[in-house]
Protein backbone atom coordinates (compact mmCIF):
# COMPACT_ATOMS: atom_id res chain seq x y z
CA MET A 1 -7.01 35.44 -4.66
CA PRO A 2 -7.18 32.39 -6.97
CA LYS A 3 -6.59 29.15 -5.06
CA SER A 4 -5.52 25.62 -5.96
CA LEU A 5 -7.71 22.67 -5.10
CA PHE A 6 -5.21 21.73 -2.42
CA GLU A 7 -5.54 25.13 -0.74
CA LYS A 8 -9.33 25.06 -0.89
CA VAL A 9 -9.66 21.56 0.55
CA TRP A 10 -6.98 22.11 3.19
CA ASP A 11 -8.48 25.42 4.37
CA ALA A 12 -12.00 23.95 4.47
CA HIS A 13 -10.82 21.10 6.72
CA ALA A 14 -8.39 23.03 8.95
CA VAL A 15 -9.62 22.99 12.56
CA ARG A 16 -6.77 25.08 13.98
CA THR A 17 -3.04 25.67 13.76
CA LEU A 18 -1.12 23.78 16.45
CA ALA A 19 1.76 25.14 18.51
CA ASN A 20 4.29 23.24 16.39
CA GLY A 21 2.98 24.85 13.20
CA GLN A 22 1.08 21.78 12.00
CA THR A 23 -2.60 21.88 11.15
CA GLN A 24 -5.22 19.94 13.04
CA LEU A 25 -7.04 18.63 9.99
CA LEU A 26 -10.56 17.22 9.87
CA ILE A 27 -10.60 13.91 8.01
CA GLY A 28 -13.75 13.65 5.94
CA THR A 29 -13.41 9.95 5.16
CA HIS A 30 -11.41 7.31 6.98
CA LEU A 31 -10.70 3.94 5.35
CA ILE A 32 -9.33 0.99 7.30
CA HIS A 33 -8.22 -2.58 6.65
CA GLU A 34 -7.11 -5.56 8.67
CA VAL A 35 -3.35 -4.98 8.89
CA THR A 36 -2.82 -1.48 10.29
CA SER A 37 -6.01 -1.06 12.34
CA PRO A 38 -5.87 -3.72 15.14
CA GLN A 39 -3.24 -1.86 17.19
CA ALA A 40 -5.16 1.41 16.82
CA PHE A 41 -8.34 -0.20 18.12
CA GLY A 42 -6.32 -1.74 20.93
CA MET A 43 -5.16 1.73 21.97
CA MET A 44 -8.74 2.99 21.80
CA ARG A 45 -9.84 0.27 24.21
CA ASP A 46 -6.90 0.89 26.54
CA LEU A 47 -7.88 4.56 26.73
CA GLY A 48 -11.58 3.83 27.07
CA LEU A 49 -12.39 5.83 23.93
CA LYS A 50 -15.24 5.56 21.45
CA VAL A 51 -14.98 6.20 17.70
CA ALA A 52 -15.99 9.85 17.30
CA MET A 53 -17.72 9.57 13.92
CA PRO A 54 -18.18 5.90 12.98
CA HIS A 55 -20.27 6.83 9.93
CA ARG A 56 -17.13 8.38 8.38
CA THR A 57 -15.06 5.18 8.67
CA PHE A 58 -15.34 2.25 6.25
CA ALA A 59 -13.51 -1.06 6.48
CA THR A 60 -12.59 -3.89 4.14
CA VAL A 61 -10.15 -6.78 4.14
CA ASP A 62 -7.53 -7.00 1.42
CA HIS A 63 -3.89 -7.48 2.40
CA ILE A 64 -3.97 -10.90 4.04
CA VAL A 65 -6.94 -12.62 2.39
CA PRO A 66 -5.95 -15.62 0.28
CA THR A 67 -6.99 -15.25 -3.34
CA ASP A 68 -7.26 -19.02 -3.85
CA GLN A 69 -9.31 -19.87 -0.74
CA LEU A 70 -12.75 -18.52 0.08
CA VAL A 71 -13.79 -20.91 2.82
CA GLU A 72 -12.81 -20.12 6.40
CA PRO A 73 -10.91 -20.89 8.53
CA TYR A 74 -7.98 -19.89 6.36
CA SER A 75 -4.92 -22.11 6.24
CA ASP A 76 -2.87 -19.22 7.69
CA PRO A 77 -3.99 -18.78 11.33
CA LEU A 78 -2.64 -15.22 11.43
CA ALA A 79 -4.79 -14.25 8.44
CA GLN A 80 -7.83 -15.75 10.13
CA ALA A 81 -7.04 -13.95 13.38
CA MET A 82 -6.75 -10.61 11.56
CA MET A 83 -10.04 -11.21 9.78
CA ASP A 84 -11.80 -12.07 13.05
CA GLU A 85 -10.30 -9.05 14.82
CA LEU A 86 -11.47 -6.63 12.12
CA ARG A 87 -14.98 -8.07 12.28
CA LYS A 88 -15.00 -7.65 16.06
CA ASN A 89 -13.69 -4.09 15.94
CA CYS A 90 -16.21 -3.00 13.32
CA ARG A 91 -19.04 -4.62 15.27
CA ASP A 92 -17.97 -3.14 18.62
CA PHE A 93 -17.42 0.38 17.29
CA GLY A 94 -20.30 0.55 14.76
CA ILE A 95 -18.19 0.74 11.59
CA THR A 96 -19.39 -0.34 8.14
CA PHE A 97 -17.41 -3.40 7.04
CA PHE A 98 -17.32 -4.69 3.47
CA ASP A 99 -16.66 -8.30 4.42
CA ARG A 100 -16.32 -11.06 1.86
CA ALA A 101 -19.91 -12.17 2.43
CA THR A 102 -21.20 -8.76 1.31
CA GLY A 103 -19.98 -9.13 -2.27
CA LYS A 104 -18.37 -5.69 -1.91
CA GLN A 105 -14.98 -6.70 -0.48
CA GLY A 106 -11.77 -5.77 -2.19
CA ILE A 107 -8.66 -3.63 -2.06
CA VAL A 108 -9.51 -0.56 -0.02
CA HIS A 109 -8.44 1.85 -2.79
CA ILE A 110 -10.73 0.14 -5.28
CA VAL A 111 -13.71 -0.32 -2.94
CA GLY A 112 -13.86 3.37 -1.91
CA PRO A 113 -14.27 4.73 -5.45
CA GLU A 114 -16.60 2.00 -6.73
CA GLN A 115 -18.94 2.54 -3.77
CA GLY A 116 -18.98 6.30 -4.30
CA ILE A 117 -17.42 6.85 -0.87
CA THR A 118 -14.48 8.65 -2.48
CA GLN A 119 -15.69 12.12 -3.46
CA PRO A 120 -14.17 15.44 -4.59
CA GLY A 121 -13.28 18.19 -2.17
CA THR A 122 -12.74 16.03 0.89
CA THR A 123 -9.83 14.75 2.94
CA ILE A 124 -9.28 10.99 2.98
CA ALA A 125 -6.92 9.03 5.21
CA CYS A 126 -6.09 5.34 5.41
CA GLY A 127 -3.39 3.27 7.05
CA ASP A 128 -1.92 2.42 3.67
CA SER A 129 0.63 4.36 1.66
CA HIS A 130 -1.28 4.14 -1.63
CA THR A 131 -4.21 6.16 -0.31
CA SER A 132 -3.09 8.81 -2.79
CA THR A 133 -5.17 6.81 -5.31
CA HIS A 134 -8.31 8.63 -4.17
CA GLY A 135 -6.85 11.96 -5.29
CA ALA A 136 -7.99 11.02 -8.79
CA PHE A 137 -11.40 12.35 -7.71
CA GLY A 138 -10.14 15.73 -6.56
CA ALA A 139 -9.68 14.71 -2.93
CA ILE A 140 -6.62 15.26 -0.75
CA ALA A 141 -5.82 11.69 0.24
CA PHE A 142 -2.84 10.29 2.10
CA GLY A 143 -1.58 7.30 4.01
CA ILE A 144 -1.17 7.43 7.79
CA GLY A 145 0.44 5.35 10.54
CA THR A 146 -1.17 3.36 13.34
CA THR A 147 -1.09 6.11 15.97
CA GLN A 148 -2.65 8.49 13.45
CA ILE A 149 -5.36 5.89 12.76
CA ARG A 150 -6.07 5.99 16.50
CA ASP A 151 -6.22 9.80 16.39
CA VAL A 152 -8.68 9.80 13.50
CA LEU A 153 -10.85 7.14 15.13
CA ALA A 154 -10.91 9.07 18.41
CA THR A 155 -11.24 12.64 17.11
CA GLN A 156 -11.86 12.50 13.33
CA THR A 157 -8.80 14.76 13.07
CA MET A 158 -5.03 14.45 12.84
CA ALA A 159 -1.99 16.70 12.85
CA LEU A 160 -0.26 17.31 9.53
CA GLY A 161 2.13 19.87 8.10
CA ARG A 162 0.87 21.87 5.13
CA LEU A 163 2.27 20.68 1.81
CA LYS A 164 3.63 22.60 -1.16
CA VAL A 165 1.93 21.99 -4.51
CA ARG A 166 3.65 20.97 -7.75
CA ARG A 167 1.61 21.09 -10.95
CA ILE A 168 2.62 18.37 -13.45
CA ASN A 169 1.31 18.99 -16.96
CA VAL A 170 1.40 16.13 -19.46
CA THR A 171 0.63 17.66 -22.81
CA GLY A 172 -0.16 16.26 -26.25
CA LYS A 173 -1.34 12.73 -26.96
CA LEU A 174 0.06 9.40 -25.79
CA ARG A 175 1.45 7.13 -28.47
CA PRO A 176 -0.19 3.77 -29.21
CA GLY A 177 0.62 1.16 -26.58
CA VAL A 178 1.42 3.75 -23.90
CA TYR A 179 -0.79 3.66 -20.81
CA ALA A 180 -1.39 5.49 -17.55
CA LYS A 181 1.12 3.20 -15.82
CA ASP A 182 3.80 4.33 -18.27
CA VAL A 183 2.90 7.96 -17.56
CA ILE A 184 3.48 7.66 -13.82
CA LEU A 185 6.62 5.52 -14.19
CA HIS A 186 7.98 8.17 -16.55
CA ILE A 187 7.11 10.99 -14.14
CA ILE A 188 8.86 9.21 -11.27
CA ARG A 189 11.87 8.51 -13.49
CA VAL A 190 12.10 12.21 -14.39
CA LEU A 191 11.50 13.67 -10.91
CA GLY A 192 12.96 10.88 -8.79
CA VAL A 193 11.64 8.83 -5.89
CA ASN A 194 12.33 11.72 -3.50
CA GLY A 195 11.39 14.52 -5.86
CA GLY A 196 7.95 14.93 -4.35
CA THR A 197 9.04 15.14 -0.71
CA GLY A 198 6.96 17.84 0.99
CA PHE A 199 4.67 18.19 -2.04
CA ALA A 200 1.21 17.33 -3.23
CA TYR A 201 1.21 16.66 -6.98
CA GLU A 202 -1.54 18.19 -9.09
CA TYR A 203 -1.75 16.33 -12.42
CA GLY A 204 -3.13 18.15 -15.45
CA GLY A 205 -2.82 18.77 -19.16
CA GLU A 206 -4.53 17.23 -22.17
CA VAL A 207 -3.45 13.69 -21.30
CA PHE A 208 -5.19 13.82 -17.93
CA ASP A 209 -8.20 15.60 -19.39
CA ARG A 210 -8.70 12.61 -21.70
CA MET A 211 -8.02 9.90 -19.10
CA THR A 212 -10.76 7.77 -17.62
CA MET A 213 -11.18 7.71 -13.85
CA GLU A 214 -9.50 4.32 -13.70
CA GLU A 215 -6.47 5.71 -15.54
CA ARG A 216 -6.32 8.73 -13.24
CA MET A 217 -6.44 6.39 -10.24
CA THR A 218 -3.44 4.47 -11.59
CA VAL A 219 -1.35 7.64 -11.79
CA CYS A 220 -2.45 9.07 -8.43
CA ASN A 221 -1.86 5.68 -6.81
CA MET A 222 1.89 5.89 -7.39
CA SER A 223 2.32 9.52 -6.32
CA ILE A 224 3.77 8.19 -3.08
CA GLU A 225 6.43 6.32 -5.08
CA GLY A 226 7.65 9.69 -6.30
CA GLY A 227 7.90 10.96 -2.73
CA ALA A 228 4.71 13.07 -2.83
CA ARG A 229 2.37 12.78 0.16
CA ALA A 230 -0.67 13.18 -2.10
CA GLY A 231 -1.51 13.42 -5.77
CA TYR A 232 -4.74 14.63 -7.35
CA VAL A 233 -6.58 15.54 -10.54
CA ASN A 234 -9.14 18.35 -10.61
CA PRO A 235 -12.71 17.02 -10.75
CA ASP A 236 -14.53 17.38 -14.07
CA GLU A 237 -17.41 15.86 -16.03
CA THR A 238 -15.53 12.54 -16.23
CA THR A 239 -15.42 12.49 -12.42
CA PHE A 240 -19.11 13.28 -12.04
CA ALA A 241 -20.19 10.69 -14.61
CA TYR A 242 -18.21 8.01 -12.76
CA LEU A 243 -19.75 8.86 -9.38
CA LYS A 244 -23.37 9.27 -10.47
CA GLY A 245 -25.63 6.53 -9.18
CA ARG A 246 -23.07 4.82 -6.96
CA PRO A 247 -24.29 3.58 -3.56
CA TYR A 248 -22.78 6.37 -1.43
CA SER A 249 -23.06 9.16 -4.00
CA PRO A 250 -25.59 11.93 -3.34
CA LYS A 251 -29.03 11.41 -4.86
CA GLY A 252 -31.68 13.68 -6.36
CA ALA A 253 -31.41 17.38 -5.51
CA ALA A 254 -28.41 16.59 -3.29
CA TRP A 255 -26.60 15.35 -6.38
CA GLU A 256 -26.99 18.64 -8.24
CA ALA A 257 -25.83 20.56 -5.19
CA ALA A 258 -22.84 18.27 -4.77
CA VAL A 259 -21.76 18.66 -8.41
CA ALA A 260 -21.92 22.44 -8.10
CA GLN A 261 -19.75 22.24 -4.98
CA TRP A 262 -17.32 19.82 -6.64
CA LYS A 263 -16.91 22.10 -9.65
CA ALA A 264 -16.08 24.99 -7.34
CA VAL A 265 -13.33 23.06 -5.57
CA ALA A 266 -11.21 22.71 -8.73
CA SER A 267 -8.08 24.84 -8.96
CA ASP A 268 -8.72 28.40 -10.10
CA ALA A 269 -7.09 29.78 -13.23
CA GLY A 270 -4.02 31.77 -12.25
CA CYS A 271 -3.60 30.11 -8.85
CA HIS A 272 -0.13 29.80 -7.33
CA TYR A 273 1.93 26.61 -7.60
CA ASP A 274 5.23 26.15 -5.80
CA ASP A 275 6.59 24.38 -8.88
CA VAL A 276 5.42 23.50 -12.39
CA VAL A 277 6.74 20.62 -14.49
CA ASN A 278 5.85 20.13 -18.16
CA ILE A 279 6.15 16.74 -19.83
CA ALA A 280 5.40 15.97 -23.48
CA ALA A 281 3.26 12.88 -23.98
CA ALA A 282 5.27 12.06 -27.11
CA ASP A 283 8.33 11.53 -24.91
CA ILE A 284 6.66 8.74 -22.93
CA ALA A 285 7.25 5.16 -24.08
CA PRO A 286 6.19 1.82 -22.60
CA THR A 287 8.28 1.91 -19.43
CA VAL A 288 9.61 -0.85 -17.17
CA THR A 289 11.74 -0.82 -14.06
CA TRP A 290 15.15 -2.47 -13.98
CA GLY A 291 16.14 -1.79 -10.38
CA ILE A 292 14.89 -1.84 -6.80
CA ASN A 293 12.80 1.32 -6.62
CA PRO A 294 10.12 2.68 -8.98
CA GLY A 295 12.38 5.50 -10.14
CA GLN A 296 14.84 3.06 -11.67
CA GLY A 297 12.94 2.72 -14.92
CA ILE A 298 13.70 2.82 -18.63
CA ALA A 299 11.78 2.69 -21.89
CA ILE A 300 11.39 -0.86 -23.18
CA ASN A 301 13.84 -0.21 -26.03
CA GLU A 302 16.55 1.27 -23.79
CA THR A 303 19.46 -0.53 -22.21
CA ILE A 304 20.13 -1.18 -18.54
CA PRO A 305 22.22 1.64 -17.00
CA ASP A 306 25.96 1.20 -16.62
CA PRO A 307 27.32 2.32 -13.22
CA ALA A 308 30.63 3.16 -14.88
CA LYS A 309 28.87 6.00 -16.69
CA ALA A 310 27.29 7.45 -13.53
CA THR A 311 28.44 10.98 -12.73
CA ALA A 312 27.80 10.89 -8.97
CA VAL A 313 29.29 8.46 -6.45
CA ASP A 314 25.96 7.76 -4.75
CA GLU A 315 24.27 7.19 -8.12
CA LYS A 316 26.99 4.71 -9.09
CA ALA A 317 26.57 2.81 -5.81
CA SER A 318 22.77 2.78 -6.22
CA ILE A 319 23.01 1.31 -9.72
CA GLU A 320 25.54 -1.30 -8.62
CA GLU A 321 23.36 -2.37 -5.70
CA ALA A 322 20.28 -2.67 -7.93
CA LEU A 323 22.06 -4.63 -10.67
CA ALA A 324 23.57 -7.04 -8.14
CA TYR A 325 20.16 -7.74 -6.61
CA MET A 326 18.30 -7.94 -9.92
CA LYS A 327 21.07 -10.06 -11.53
CA LEU A 328 21.09 -7.85 -14.62
CA LYS A 329 24.03 -6.82 -16.77
CA PRO A 330 24.87 -3.14 -17.32
CA GLY A 331 24.45 -1.98 -20.89
CA ALA A 332 22.30 -4.98 -21.83
CA PRO A 333 18.81 -4.53 -23.29
CA ILE A 334 16.00 -5.00 -20.75
CA LYS A 335 13.93 -6.52 -23.55
CA GLY A 336 14.46 -10.26 -23.65
CA THR A 337 15.03 -10.66 -19.90
CA LYS A 338 13.55 -14.02 -18.87
CA ILE A 339 10.62 -13.95 -16.43
CA ASP A 340 9.19 -16.64 -14.14
CA VAL A 341 5.94 -15.06 -12.95
CA ALA A 342 3.42 -12.62 -14.44
CA PHE A 343 1.02 -10.76 -12.15
CA VAL A 344 -1.92 -8.60 -13.21
CA GLY A 345 -3.67 -6.96 -10.27
CA SER A 346 -3.14 -4.62 -7.26
CA CYS A 347 -4.64 -1.25 -6.32
CA THR A 348 -2.63 0.21 -9.21
CA ASN A 349 -3.93 -1.97 -12.03
CA GLY A 350 -6.62 -4.35 -10.76
CA ARG A 351 -9.67 -2.66 -12.26
CA LEU A 352 -12.10 -3.68 -14.99
CA SER A 353 -10.38 -1.70 -17.77
CA ASP A 354 -7.04 -3.36 -16.93
CA PHE A 355 -8.46 -6.84 -17.43
CA GLN A 356 -10.41 -5.76 -20.52
CA GLU A 357 -7.22 -4.54 -22.16
CA VAL A 358 -5.29 -7.70 -21.31
CA ALA A 359 -8.12 -10.02 -22.40
CA LYS A 360 -8.50 -8.16 -25.71
CA PHE A 361 -4.94 -8.95 -26.69
CA VAL A 362 -4.28 -12.38 -25.10
CA GLN A 363 -7.38 -13.98 -26.56
CA GLY A 364 -6.23 -16.93 -28.63
CA LYS A 365 -2.70 -16.82 -27.23
CA LYS A 366 -1.03 -18.92 -24.52
CA VAL A 367 1.15 -18.13 -21.52
CA ALA A 368 4.71 -19.31 -22.23
CA LYS A 369 5.81 -22.65 -20.86
CA GLY A 370 7.36 -22.36 -17.42
CA VAL A 371 5.67 -19.04 -16.59
CA LYS A 372 3.19 -18.83 -13.71
CA ALA A 373 0.61 -16.17 -14.58
CA ILE A 374 -2.07 -14.94 -12.19
CA ALA A 375 -4.85 -12.39 -12.65
CA VAL A 376 -6.34 -10.99 -9.45
CA PRO A 377 -9.32 -8.62 -9.59
CA GLY A 378 -9.12 -5.70 -7.18
CA SER A 379 -12.59 -6.26 -5.74
CA GLN A 380 -15.48 -8.69 -5.78
CA ILE A 381 -17.40 -6.21 -7.93
CA VAL A 382 -14.54 -6.04 -10.45
CA ALA A 383 -14.48 -9.85 -10.48
CA LEU A 384 -18.22 -9.98 -11.16
CA GLN A 385 -17.94 -7.39 -13.93
CA CYS A 386 -15.13 -9.36 -15.56
CA GLU A 387 -16.97 -12.65 -15.26
CA LYS A 388 -20.15 -11.21 -16.78
CA LEU A 389 -18.06 -10.19 -19.79
CA GLY A 390 -16.30 -13.57 -19.96
CA LEU A 391 -12.89 -12.02 -19.35
CA ASP A 392 -12.07 -14.65 -16.73
CA LYS A 393 -12.59 -17.40 -19.32
CA ILE A 394 -10.40 -15.65 -21.89
CA LEU A 395 -7.61 -15.24 -19.36
CA SER A 396 -7.98 -18.81 -18.06
CA GLU A 397 -7.89 -20.25 -21.56
CA ALA A 398 -4.71 -18.27 -22.19
CA GLY A 399 -3.12 -19.83 -19.11
CA PHE A 400 -3.68 -17.24 -16.39
CA GLU A 401 -4.99 -18.35 -13.00
CA TRP A 402 -8.14 -16.32 -12.26
CA ARG A 403 -8.22 -15.56 -8.53
CA ALA A 404 -10.51 -14.01 -5.92
CA ALA A 405 -10.17 -10.34 -4.94
CA GLY A 406 -7.28 -9.13 -2.80
CA CYS A 407 -3.88 -7.46 -2.73
CA SER A 408 -2.30 -10.78 -3.69
CA MET A 409 1.28 -10.70 -4.96
CA CYS A 410 1.65 -6.93 -4.77
CA LEU A 411 3.03 -7.23 -1.25
CA ALA A 412 2.63 -10.96 -0.55
CA MET A 413 1.17 -10.79 2.97
CA ASN A 414 -0.87 -13.76 1.77
CA PRO A 415 0.04 -17.07 0.10
CA ASP A 416 0.76 -15.41 -3.28
CA LYS A 417 4.55 -15.10 -3.06
CA LEU A 418 7.61 -15.38 -5.25
CA VAL A 419 9.91 -18.33 -4.58
CA GLY A 420 13.70 -17.94 -4.43
CA ASP A 421 15.00 -15.44 -6.96
CA GLN A 422 12.05 -15.72 -9.35
CA LEU A 423 11.59 -12.67 -11.55
CA CYS A 424 8.06 -11.27 -11.77
CA ALA A 425 6.61 -9.03 -14.46
CA SER A 426 4.15 -7.11 -12.29
CA SER A 427 1.44 -4.49 -12.77
CA SER A 428 1.79 -3.49 -9.11
CA ASN A 429 3.47 -0.42 -7.61
CA ARG A 430 6.67 -1.40 -5.79
CA ASN A 431 9.80 -3.27 -6.82
CA PHE A 432 11.61 -3.10 -3.49
CA LYS A 433 13.85 -5.95 -2.37
CA GLY A 434 11.69 -8.79 -1.07
CA ARG A 435 8.45 -6.91 -1.80
CA GLN A 436 6.71 -9.89 -3.38
CA GLY A 437 7.32 -12.37 -0.60
CA SER A 438 10.78 -13.81 -1.20
CA PRO A 439 13.87 -12.06 0.24
CA THR A 440 15.59 -12.66 -3.08
CA GLY A 441 12.56 -12.32 -5.37
CA ARG A 442 12.86 -9.78 -8.20
CA THR A 443 10.18 -7.46 -9.57
CA ILE A 444 9.90 -5.53 -12.82
CA LEU A 445 7.03 -3.03 -12.84
CA MET A 446 5.08 -2.40 -16.05
CA SER A 447 1.59 -1.83 -17.44
CA PRO A 448 -0.91 -4.71 -17.52
CA LEU A 449 -0.52 -5.13 -21.27
CA MET A 450 3.25 -5.28 -20.91
CA VAL A 451 2.73 -7.98 -18.25
CA ALA A 452 0.58 -9.87 -20.75
CA ALA A 453 3.31 -9.55 -23.39
CA ALA A 454 5.87 -10.90 -20.91
CA ALA A 455 3.53 -13.75 -19.96
CA VAL A 456 3.04 -15.00 -23.51
CA THR A 457 6.66 -14.59 -24.60
CA GLY A 458 8.31 -15.63 -21.33
CA THR A 459 10.49 -12.51 -21.45
CA VAL A 460 10.25 -8.78 -20.88
CA ALA A 461 8.82 -7.72 -24.22
CA ASP A 462 7.40 -4.74 -26.10
CA ALA A 463 3.62 -5.22 -26.13
CA ARG A 464 3.38 -3.08 -29.24
CA GLU A 465 5.38 -5.69 -31.14
CA VAL A 466 3.90 -8.79 -29.49
CA PHE A 467 0.29 -7.74 -30.00
CA ALA A 468 0.64 -5.38 -32.97
CA VAL A 469 -0.83 -2.53 -30.91
CA ASN A 470 -1.69 0.42 -33.07
CA ASN A 471 -4.20 2.33 -30.97
CA ASN A 472 -5.22 2.94 -27.37
């Protein structure tokens, strides 16, 4: 029987079926950070347990680290305490920790791939909802809670219900100025923020075949925003080329054996999917959100929805709530909306290619007066790559603040926060109420180049017009 990648990986990691019908699943790779792991380690100590397989767990610090302060102690005592606690836990339990002093620190979902820790055909868990990022490599990756972190530390397994699989084909060729971020925002708009509940999303079609690994990571990253527990792309030559030579990738004869195994894990032709969705690339435009969840998005040339035209009562109420919070007018164009802050970064769009694209178009231009613009690399290695290419100088000369690696303003568990009802053009993944640090702060999600266009014009703008974009 032909099988999907999900079925192959799940079956290979299934330890047993539990009495409640869930699977006890072996977790091949466990990633941890400073925010969701302290309580789990506390429970381990209370129970007198050791970490079962410390070589399968890797740690970094990302959520709370300040991006404008490298010297410790940090000005925020809680941030310093979390940093110290993670160091202690990794030392006591024998876990590899990519601390700031290593030069390998960064957002956990950027560090894993760039180190070659993220590999096809495995299961990956992390106490962070955007763990689905790692599915770009053909892994089944998902976020878990603190008690599940404890379970994985103690047993290298966890209990999970088997998921259905939805294949999402994006066919054709993307238009100029349309990026991976637009693809996933469009998918979530079409299928809804709850459309993926109970599913793993398998992304395919010509658009994904042509995407780089960094683009695939952007799409898989936001699978969770569409309600899916996991999202993945079948591994191919693009995957193997990215992984070859990375620190934790197999070497020599082991490499050839690994590639053969990785090829075999891809979905078989004719395998069963519980659902199939087809989307034409030509239908995808530069997309921005207007509301308070990632599914409330529109093309840049569309107008803000009018609740009076909603057909369902709950839809009408949802639109009204979003417009009241975002302070936007129904029926008005989203283009031209004034912004206060522009943020390029996060585990969604904080990689080298994101900064290359922004730098290419902002060179010689200036951030609009009154706009605070920050660029935050997703890891110390990304920062070094950018600085070697002079991208930091281009962005700084344009008026962006070039920061150190971290999650930064994506979730604002650090000093990078919105103030009052500031509106932020953001390349991050969530536009929930208060997400960026202020209970009244407002977020509009978009691609990095659209953030750059907003930064230099001071308004939500069409990057294709601002930068005369005519190719990808």
